C-alpha atoms as a PDB file:
ATOM      1  CA  MET A   1     -42.329   7.703  55.948  1.00  0.00           C
ATOM      2  CA  LYS A   2     -44.258   4.686  53.895  1.00  0.00           C
ATOM      3  CA  LEU A   3     -41.428   2.082  51.621  1.00  0.00           C
ATOM      4  CA  LEU A   4     -43.374  -0.117  50.358  1.00  0.00           C
ATOM      5  CA  PHE A   5     -41.576  -2.702  48.479  1.00  0.00           C
ATOM      6  CA  ILE A   6     -41.820  -4.931  45.401  1.00  0.00           C
ATOM      7  CA  SER A   7     -40.285  -8.073  44.032  1.00  0.00           C
ATOM      8  CA  THR A   8     -40.794 -10.432  41.063  1.00  0.00           C
ATOM      9  CA  LEU A   9     -38.337 -12.985  41.299  1.00  0.00           C
ATOM     10  CA  LEU A  10     -37.680 -14.308  38.371  1.00  0.00           C
ATOM     11  CA  PHE A  11     -34.735 -16.940  38.865  1.00  0.00           C
ATOM     12  CA  SER A  12     -31.933 -18.904  36.540  1.00  0.00           C
ATOM     13  CA  PHE A  13     -27.933 -18.788  37.583  1.00  0.00           C
ATOM     14  CA  PRO A  14     -25.679 -21.780  37.462  1.00  0.00           C
ATOM     15  CA  SER A  15     -23.020 -20.314  38.314  1.00  0.00           C
ATOM     16  CA  PHE A  16     -22.756 -16.977  40.979  1.00  0.00           C
ATOM     17  CA  ALA A  17     -19.356 -15.436  38.526  1.00  0.00           C
ATOM     18  CA  ASP A  18     -21.841 -15.818  35.595  1.00  0.00           C
ATOM     19  CA  MET A  19     -24.337 -12.702  36.129  1.00  0.00           C
ATOM     20  CA  THR A  20     -23.978  -9.638  36.296  1.00  0.00           C
ATOM     21  CA  CYS A  21     -26.107  -7.104  38.050  1.00  0.00           C
ATOM     22  CA  ASP A  22     -26.721  -3.826  38.155  1.00  0.00           C
ATOM     23  CA  VAL A  23     -29.619  -0.833  39.844  1.00  0.00           C
ATOM     24  CA  THR A  24     -31.730   1.281  37.466  1.00  0.00           C
ATOM     25  CA  LYS A  25     -32.918   4.410  40.054  1.00  0.00           C
ATOM     26  CA  LYS A  26     -36.176   6.177  38.507  1.00  0.00           C
ATOM     27  CA  VAL A  27     -37.493   9.182  39.631  1.00  0.00           C
ATOM     28  CA  SER A  28     -40.355  10.739  38.785  1.00  0.00           C
ATOM     29  CA  SER A  29     -41.696  14.230  39.419  1.00  0.00           C
ATOM     30  CA  ASN A  30     -45.411  16.326  38.555  1.00  0.00           C
ATOM     31  CA  THR A  31     -43.237  16.978  34.977  1.00  0.00           C
ATOM     32  CA  ASN A  32     -39.864  15.458  34.938  1.00  0.00           C
ATOM     33  CA  TYR A  33     -38.882  11.974  34.343  1.00  0.00           C
ATOM     34  CA  GLU A  34     -35.035  11.089  34.883  1.00  0.00           C
ATOM     35  CA  GLN A  35     -33.630   7.210  34.778  1.00  0.00           C
ATOM     36  CA  THR A  36     -29.776   6.516  35.957  1.00  0.00           C
ATOM     37  CA  ILE A  37     -27.696   2.555  35.945  1.00  0.00           C
ATOM     38  CA  THR A  38     -24.870   1.887  37.585  1.00  0.00           C
ATOM     39  CA  GLN A  39     -23.544  -2.006  37.340  1.00  0.00           C
ATOM     40  CA  LEU A  40     -23.414  -4.246  41.721  1.00  0.00           C
ATOM     41  CA  VAL A  41     -19.339  -4.745  41.973  1.00  0.00           C
ATOM     42  CA  PRO A  42     -18.516  -7.823  42.221  1.00  0.00           C
ATOM     43  CA  TYR A  43     -16.257  -8.337  45.629  1.00  0.00           C
ATOM     44  CA  GLU A  44     -14.885 -12.038  47.320  1.00  0.00           C
ATOM     45  CA  ASN A  45     -15.300 -10.994  51.649  1.00  0.00           C
ATOM     46  CA  PRO A  46     -13.707 -12.226  54.401  1.00  0.00           C
ATOM     47  CA  SER A  47     -16.259 -15.499  54.289  1.00  0.00           C
ATOM     48  CA  ALA A  48     -15.149 -16.383  50.622  1.00  0.00           C
ATOM     49  CA  GLN A  49     -17.915 -15.279  49.222  1.00  0.00           C
ATOM     50  CA  ILE A  50     -18.704 -14.151  46.060  1.00  0.00           C
ATOM     51  CA  VAL A  51     -21.590 -11.015  47.118  1.00  0.00           C
ATOM     52  CA  HIS A  52     -22.435  -8.132  44.033  1.00  0.00           C
ATOM     53  CA  ARG A  53     -23.069  -4.630  45.878  1.00  0.00           C
ATOM     54  CA  VAL A  54     -23.308  -1.113  45.281  1.00  0.00           C
ATOM     55  CA  GLU A  55     -24.040   2.610  47.350  1.00  0.00           C
ATOM     56  CA  VAL A  56     -26.565   4.497  45.538  1.00  0.00           C
ATOM     57  CA  ASP A  57     -28.202   6.989  46.729  1.00  0.00           C
ATOM     58  CA  ASN A  58     -27.770   5.784  50.236  1.00  0.00           C
ATOM     59  CA  MET A  59     -29.883   3.071  48.957  1.00  0.00           C
ATOM     60  CA  TYR A  60     -27.314  -0.591  49.361  1.00  0.00           C
ATOM     61  CA  PHE A  61     -27.887  -3.263  47.759  1.00  0.00           C
ATOM     62  CA  SER A  62     -26.808  -6.167  47.108  1.00  0.00           C
ATOM     63  CA  VAL A  63     -26.829  -9.810  46.175  1.00  0.00           C
ATOM     64  CA  ARG A  64     -24.640 -12.622  47.527  1.00  0.00           C
ATOM     65  CA  ARG A  65     -24.871 -17.055  46.999  1.00  0.00           C
ATOM     66  CA  THR A  66     -26.952 -18.984  50.512  1.00  0.00           C
ATOM     67  CA  GLY A  67     -26.440 -21.644  49.590  1.00  0.00           C
ATOM     68  CA  GLU A  68     -25.829 -23.967  46.429  1.00  0.00           C
ATOM     69  CA  ASN A  69     -29.527 -23.184  43.918  1.00  0.00           C
ATOM     70  CA  ASP A  70     -29.821 -19.891  46.849  1.00  0.00           C
ATOM     71  CA  TYR A  71     -29.158 -16.240  46.534  1.00  0.00           C
ATOM     72  CA  LEU A  72     -30.078 -13.469  48.646  1.00  0.00           C
ATOM     73  CA  ALA A  73     -30.897  -9.912  47.749  1.00  0.00           C
ATOM     74  CA  ILE A  74     -30.935  -7.113  50.537  1.00  0.00           C
ATOM     75  CA  VAL A  75     -32.049  -3.536  49.404  1.00  0.00           C
ATOM     76  CA  SER A  76     -30.938  -1.622  52.619  1.00  0.00           C
ATOM     77  CA  GLU A  77     -31.217   2.960  53.400  1.00  0.00           C
ATOM     78  CA  GLY A  78     -29.079   3.816  55.088  1.00  0.00           C
ATOM     79  CA  PRO A  79     -26.840   5.643  57.069  1.00  0.00           C
ATOM     80  CA  ASP A  80     -28.093   3.288  59.516  1.00  0.00           C
ATOM     81  CA  TYR A  81     -29.392  -0.138  57.427  1.00  0.00           C
ATOM     82  CA  THR A  82     -32.227  -0.066  59.536  1.00  0.00           C
ATOM     83  CA  HIS A  83     -35.090  -0.188  56.744  1.00  0.00           C
ATOM     84  CA  GLY A  84     -35.190  -2.143  53.859  1.00  0.00           C
ATOM     85  CA  THR A  85     -36.220  -5.225  52.612  1.00  0.00           C
ATOM     86  CA  THR A  86     -34.129  -9.589  51.619  1.00  0.00           C
ATOM     87  CA  VAL A  87     -35.424 -11.208  49.772  1.00  0.00           C
ATOM     88  CA  LYS A  88     -33.526 -15.408  49.149  1.00  0.00           C
ATOM     89  CA  SER A  89     -35.333 -17.290  46.222  1.00  0.00           C
ATOM     90  CA  GLY A  90     -33.601 -19.738  43.095  1.00  0.00           C
ATOM     91  CA  PHE A  91     -33.527 -19.582  40.141  1.00  0.00           C
ATOM     92  CA  THR A  92     -35.825 -20.763  37.225  1.00  0.00           C
ATOM     93  CA  GLU A  93     -35.223 -21.149  33.054  1.00  0.00           C
ATOM     94  CA  ARG A  94     -36.005 -16.673  33.026  1.00  0.00           C
ATOM     95  CA  ASP A  95     -32.518 -16.086  33.499  1.00  0.00           C
ATOM     96  CA  LEU A  96     -33.793 -12.798  35.146  1.00  0.00           C
ATOM     97  CA  MET A  97     -33.855 -12.161  38.969  1.00  0.00           C
ATOM     98  CA  ARG A  98     -35.163  -8.171  40.161  1.00  0.00           C
ATOM     99  CA  VAL A  99     -36.383  -6.993  43.924  1.00  0.00           C
ATOM    100  CA  THR A 100     -38.286  -3.043  42.870  1.00  0.00           C
ATOM    101  CA  PHE A 101     -37.806  -1.319  45.339  1.00  0.00           C
ATOM    102  CA  VAL A 102     -40.276   2.759  46.205  1.00  0.00           C
ATOM    103  CA  PHE A 103     -39.303   5.228  48.504  1.00  0.00           C
ATOM    104  CA  GLN A 104     -41.313   8.480  47.828  1.00  0.00           C
ATOM    105  CA  ASN A 105     -40.824   9.397  45.167  1.00  0.00           C
ATOM    106  CA  THR A 106     -38.139   6.889  43.763  1.00  0.00           C
ATOM    107  CA  VAL A 107     -38.562   3.913  42.266  1.00  0.00           C
ATOM    108  CA  TYR A 108     -34.778   1.496  42.835  1.00  0.00           C
ATOM    109  CA  THR A 109     -34.837  -1.871  40.512  1.00  0.00           C
ATOM    110  CA  LEU A 110     -31.851  -4.585  41.356  1.00  0.00           C
ATOM    111  CA  LYS A 111     -31.948  -6.219  38.354  1.00  0.00           C
ATOM    112  CA  CYS A 112     -29.955  -9.551  37.106  1.00  0.00           C
ATOM    113  CA  ASN A 113     -29.104 -11.509  34.551  1.00  0.00           C
ATOM    114  CA  LYS A 114     -26.509 -14.282  34.201  1.00  0.00           C
ATOM    115  CA  LEU A 115     -24.264 -13.516  31.214  1.00  0.00           C
END
């Protein structure tokens, strides 16, 4: 099983509460193309960090703040969540973060936008 990770990072969020994130799932076959979009849900974990997270078809996606201008995006494959990737970065003036994860004929794109 091969996993291909492609990431494009363009950030600019002054506050973690001022962003929305979603996951786009694109499945292609020889003759069809199917796309679904799922919104990430804000969640406050026990360490008082706000995490935006969602699970789509056994793939876990999350974004959390790790510093004043540092964010960590995670894409991980279930059920054991031992395959995946993490991306850590700060923000630029583009107001966008995008992480793409390719798995066989399915492309998952985690995208966050500044509100």
